[in-house]
Amino acid sequence: MVRLTVAGFTDTEIAGRLETTHGAMRNRKTLFRKALYQAARERRIWIPKQLHTATAKNASQQGTARVR
C-alpha cells in the first residue's frame, strides 16, 4: 500500500490492485498515518518537513492535536 501510494496511485487504483474496497483502503491509510505521526510525536522516527501533510502542519501551528 505504501509503495503504491508513493508511486502516485489513487486509493481506487490501489484498492483494485489489492483486491479490496476503496473504503478499506482509506481505512488502512488512515491507520498507517496515525501510527506514523504517533511515532514522530514520540520521537521514535523523524519525518522531513516537506512530507508533512497540510492538516498536520496546521495542527502543529495551532499547538493542538486534531481530533476526529
N, C-alpha and C. Protein backbone atom coordinates (compact mmCIF):
# COMPACT_ATOMS: atom_id res chain seq x y z
N MET A 1 0.82 -1.18 0.00
CA MET A 1 0.00 0.00 0.00
C MET A 1 0.87 1.26 0.00
N VAL A 2 1.89 1.28 0.84
CA VAL A 2 2.73 2.47 0.95
C VAL A 2 3.48 2.72 -0.35
N ARG A 3 4.05 1.68 -0.92
CA ARG A 3 4.78 1.85 -2.18
C ARG A 3 3.89 2.36 -3.29
N LEU A 4 2.68 1.83 -3.38
CA LEU A 4 1.75 2.27 -4.43
C LEU A 4 1.33 3.72 -4.21
N THR A 5 1.15 4.11 -2.95
CA THR A 5 0.79 5.50 -2.64
C THR A 5 1.92 6.43 -3.04
N VAL A 6 3.13 6.07 -2.68
CA VAL A 6 4.30 6.90 -3.01
C VAL A 6 4.49 6.96 -4.52
N ALA A 7 4.16 5.88 -5.21
CA ALA A 7 4.29 5.84 -6.67
C ALA A 7 3.24 6.71 -7.36
N GLY A 8 2.23 7.19 -6.61
CA GLY A 8 1.26 8.12 -7.19
C GLY A 8 -0.08 7.51 -7.56
N PHE A 9 -0.33 6.27 -7.19
CA PHE A 9 -1.61 5.65 -7.49
C PHE A 9 -2.69 6.22 -6.59
N THR A 10 -3.91 6.30 -7.10
CA THR A 10 -5.04 6.77 -6.29
C THR A 10 -5.51 5.63 -5.40
N ASP A 11 -6.32 5.97 -4.40
CA ASP A 11 -6.86 4.95 -3.49
C ASP A 11 -7.66 3.89 -4.26
N THR A 12 -8.41 4.32 -5.25
CA THR A 12 -9.23 3.39 -6.03
C THR A 12 -8.34 2.42 -6.81
N GLU A 13 -7.27 2.92 -7.41
CA GLU A 13 -6.35 2.06 -8.16
C GLU A 13 -5.65 1.07 -7.22
N ILE A 14 -5.25 1.54 -6.06
CA ILE A 14 -4.59 0.66 -5.09
C ILE A 14 -5.56 -0.41 -4.61
N ALA A 15 -6.80 -0.02 -4.32
CA ALA A 15 -7.81 -0.97 -3.87
C ALA A 15 -8.03 -2.06 -4.93
N GLY A 16 -8.05 -1.67 -6.19
CA GLY A 16 -8.20 -2.65 -7.27
C GLY A 16 -7.04 -3.62 -7.35
N ARG A 17 -5.83 -3.11 -7.19
CA ARG A 17 -4.65 -3.98 -7.23
C ARG A 17 -4.59 -4.92 -6.04
N LEU A 18 -5.04 -4.45 -4.88
CA LEU A 18 -5.01 -5.27 -3.67
C LEU A 18 -6.29 -6.08 -3.48
N GLU A 19 -7.21 -5.95 -4.44
CA GLU A 19 -8.49 -6.64 -4.42
C GLU A 19 -9.24 -6.39 -3.11
N THR A 20 -9.39 -5.14 -2.77
CA THR A 20 -10.13 -4.73 -1.59
C THR A 20 -11.02 -3.55 -1.97
N THR A 21 -11.79 -3.05 -1.04
CA THR A 21 -12.68 -1.93 -1.36
C THR A 21 -11.96 -0.60 -1.15
N HIS A 22 -12.51 0.43 -1.77
CA HIS A 22 -11.96 1.77 -1.62
C HIS A 22 -12.02 2.22 -0.16
N GLY A 23 -13.13 1.91 0.52
CA GLY A 23 -13.28 2.27 1.92
C GLY A 23 -12.24 1.59 2.81
N ALA A 24 -11.97 0.32 2.54
CA ALA A 24 -10.96 -0.41 3.31
C ALA A 24 -9.57 0.20 3.07
N MET A 25 -9.34 0.63 1.84
CA MET A 25 -8.05 1.26 1.50
C MET A 25 -7.88 2.57 2.27
N ARG A 26 -8.93 3.39 2.31
CA ARG A 26 -8.87 4.64 3.06
C ARG A 26 -8.62 4.38 4.54
N ASN A 27 -9.27 3.35 5.08
CA ASN A 27 -9.10 3.00 6.48
C ASN A 27 -7.66 2.58 6.77
N ARG A 28 -7.08 1.76 5.90
CA ARG A 28 -5.68 1.33 6.07
C ARG A 28 -4.74 2.53 6.07
N LYS A 29 -4.95 3.44 5.11
CA LYS A 29 -4.08 4.62 5.03
C LYS A 29 -4.23 5.50 6.26
N THR A 30 -5.45 5.63 6.76
CA THR A 30 -5.69 6.45 7.95
C THR A 30 -4.98 5.84 9.16
N LEU A 31 -5.11 4.54 9.35
CA LEU A 31 -4.45 3.87 10.47
C LEU A 31 -2.94 3.98 10.37
N PHE A 32 -2.41 3.82 9.15
CA PHE A 32 -0.98 3.94 8.93
C PHE A 32 -0.50 5.36 9.26
N ARG A 33 -1.23 6.35 8.77
CA ARG A 33 -0.86 7.75 9.01
C ARG A 33 -0.88 8.08 10.50
N LYS A 34 -1.91 7.58 11.21
CA LYS A 34 -1.99 7.81 12.66
C LYS A 34 -0.78 7.20 13.37
N ALA A 35 -0.43 5.97 13.01
CA ALA A 35 0.71 5.29 13.64
C ALA A 35 2.02 6.03 13.32
N LEU A 36 2.14 6.50 12.10
CA LEU A 36 3.34 7.22 11.68
C LEU A 36 3.52 8.51 12.48
N TYR A 37 2.47 9.30 12.58
CA TYR A 37 2.56 10.56 13.31
C TYR A 37 2.68 10.35 14.82
N GLN A 38 2.11 9.27 15.34
CA GLN A 38 2.29 8.95 16.76
C GLN A 38 3.76 8.64 17.03
N ALA A 39 4.39 7.87 16.16
CA ALA A 39 5.82 7.56 16.31
C ALA A 39 6.66 8.83 16.23
N ALA A 40 6.27 9.75 15.36
CA ALA A 40 7.00 11.01 15.23
C ALA A 40 6.85 11.85 16.51
N ARG A 41 5.64 11.88 17.07
CA ARG A 41 5.43 12.62 18.32
C ARG A 41 6.26 12.06 19.46
N GLU A 42 6.44 10.74 19.45
CA GLU A 42 7.23 10.09 20.49
C GLU A 42 8.72 10.12 20.18
N ARG A 43 9.09 10.79 19.11
CA ARG A 43 10.48 10.95 18.68
C ARG A 43 11.16 9.62 18.33
N ARG A 44 10.35 8.62 17.93
CA ARG A 44 10.92 7.34 17.50
C ARG A 44 11.34 7.40 16.04
N ILE A 45 10.70 8.28 15.27
CA ILE A 45 11.07 8.48 13.87
C ILE A 45 11.08 9.98 13.59
N TRP A 46 11.69 10.36 12.49
CA TRP A 46 11.73 11.75 12.05
C TRP A 46 11.09 11.82 10.68
N ILE A 47 10.19 12.77 10.50
CA ILE A 47 9.52 12.97 9.21
C ILE A 47 10.01 14.30 8.65
N PRO A 48 10.65 14.29 7.46
CA PRO A 48 11.11 15.55 6.86
C PRO A 48 9.96 16.53 6.69
N LYS A 49 10.25 17.80 6.88
CA LYS A 49 9.22 18.84 6.85
C LYS A 49 8.41 18.84 5.56
N GLN A 50 9.05 18.59 4.42
CA GLN A 50 8.34 18.63 3.14
C GLN A 50 7.35 17.48 2.99
N LEU A 51 7.42 16.47 3.84
CA LEU A 51 6.48 15.35 3.76
C LEU A 51 5.28 15.50 4.68
N HIS A 52 5.28 16.53 5.52
CA HIS A 52 4.16 16.75 6.42
C HIS A 52 2.93 17.14 5.63
N THR A 53 1.77 16.63 6.05
CA THR A 53 0.53 16.99 5.38
C THR A 53 0.08 18.36 5.85
N ALA A 54 -0.77 19.00 5.09
CA ALA A 54 -1.28 20.33 5.45
C ALA A 54 -2.03 20.27 6.77
N THR A 55 -2.77 19.20 7.00
CA THR A 55 -3.54 19.05 8.24
C THR A 55 -2.61 19.00 9.45
N ALA A 56 -1.58 18.20 9.36
CA ALA A 56 -0.62 18.09 10.47
C ALA A 56 0.10 19.41 10.67
N LYS A 57 0.41 20.09 9.58
CA LYS A 57 1.10 21.38 9.66
C LYS A 57 0.22 22.40 10.39
N ASN A 58 -1.06 22.46 10.03
CA ASN A 58 -1.97 23.41 10.66
C ASN A 58 -2.16 23.10 12.15
N ALA A 59 -2.28 21.83 12.49
CA ALA A 59 -2.47 21.44 13.89
C ALA A 59 -1.25 21.81 14.72
N SER A 60 -0.04 21.62 14.15
CA SER A 60 1.17 21.94 14.91
C SER A 60 1.33 23.45 15.07
N GLN A 61 0.87 24.21 14.12
CA GLN A 61 0.96 25.68 14.24
C GLN A 61 0.01 26.18 15.32
N GLN A 62 -1.11 25.50 15.48
CA GLN A 62 -2.08 25.90 16.49
C GLN A 62 -1.69 25.35 17.85
N GLY A 63 -0.77 24.38 17.87
CA GLY A 63 -0.34 23.80 19.14
C GLY A 63 -1.31 22.78 19.69
N THR A 64 -2.22 22.31 18.86
CA THR A 64 -3.19 21.31 19.31
C THR A 64 -3.20 20.14 18.35
N ALA A 65 -3.59 19.00 18.86
CA ALA A 65 -3.76 17.83 18.01
C ALA A 65 -5.15 17.88 17.39
N ARG A 66 -5.24 17.39 16.19
CA ARG A 66 -6.54 17.36 15.51
C ARG A 66 -7.26 16.08 15.94
N VAL A 67 -8.46 16.22 16.42
CA VAL A 67 -9.23 15.09 16.92
C VAL A 67 -10.46 14.91 16.07
N ARG A 68 -10.74 13.65 15.73
CA ARG A 68 -11.94 13.33 14.94
C ARG A 68 -12.83 12.46 15.73
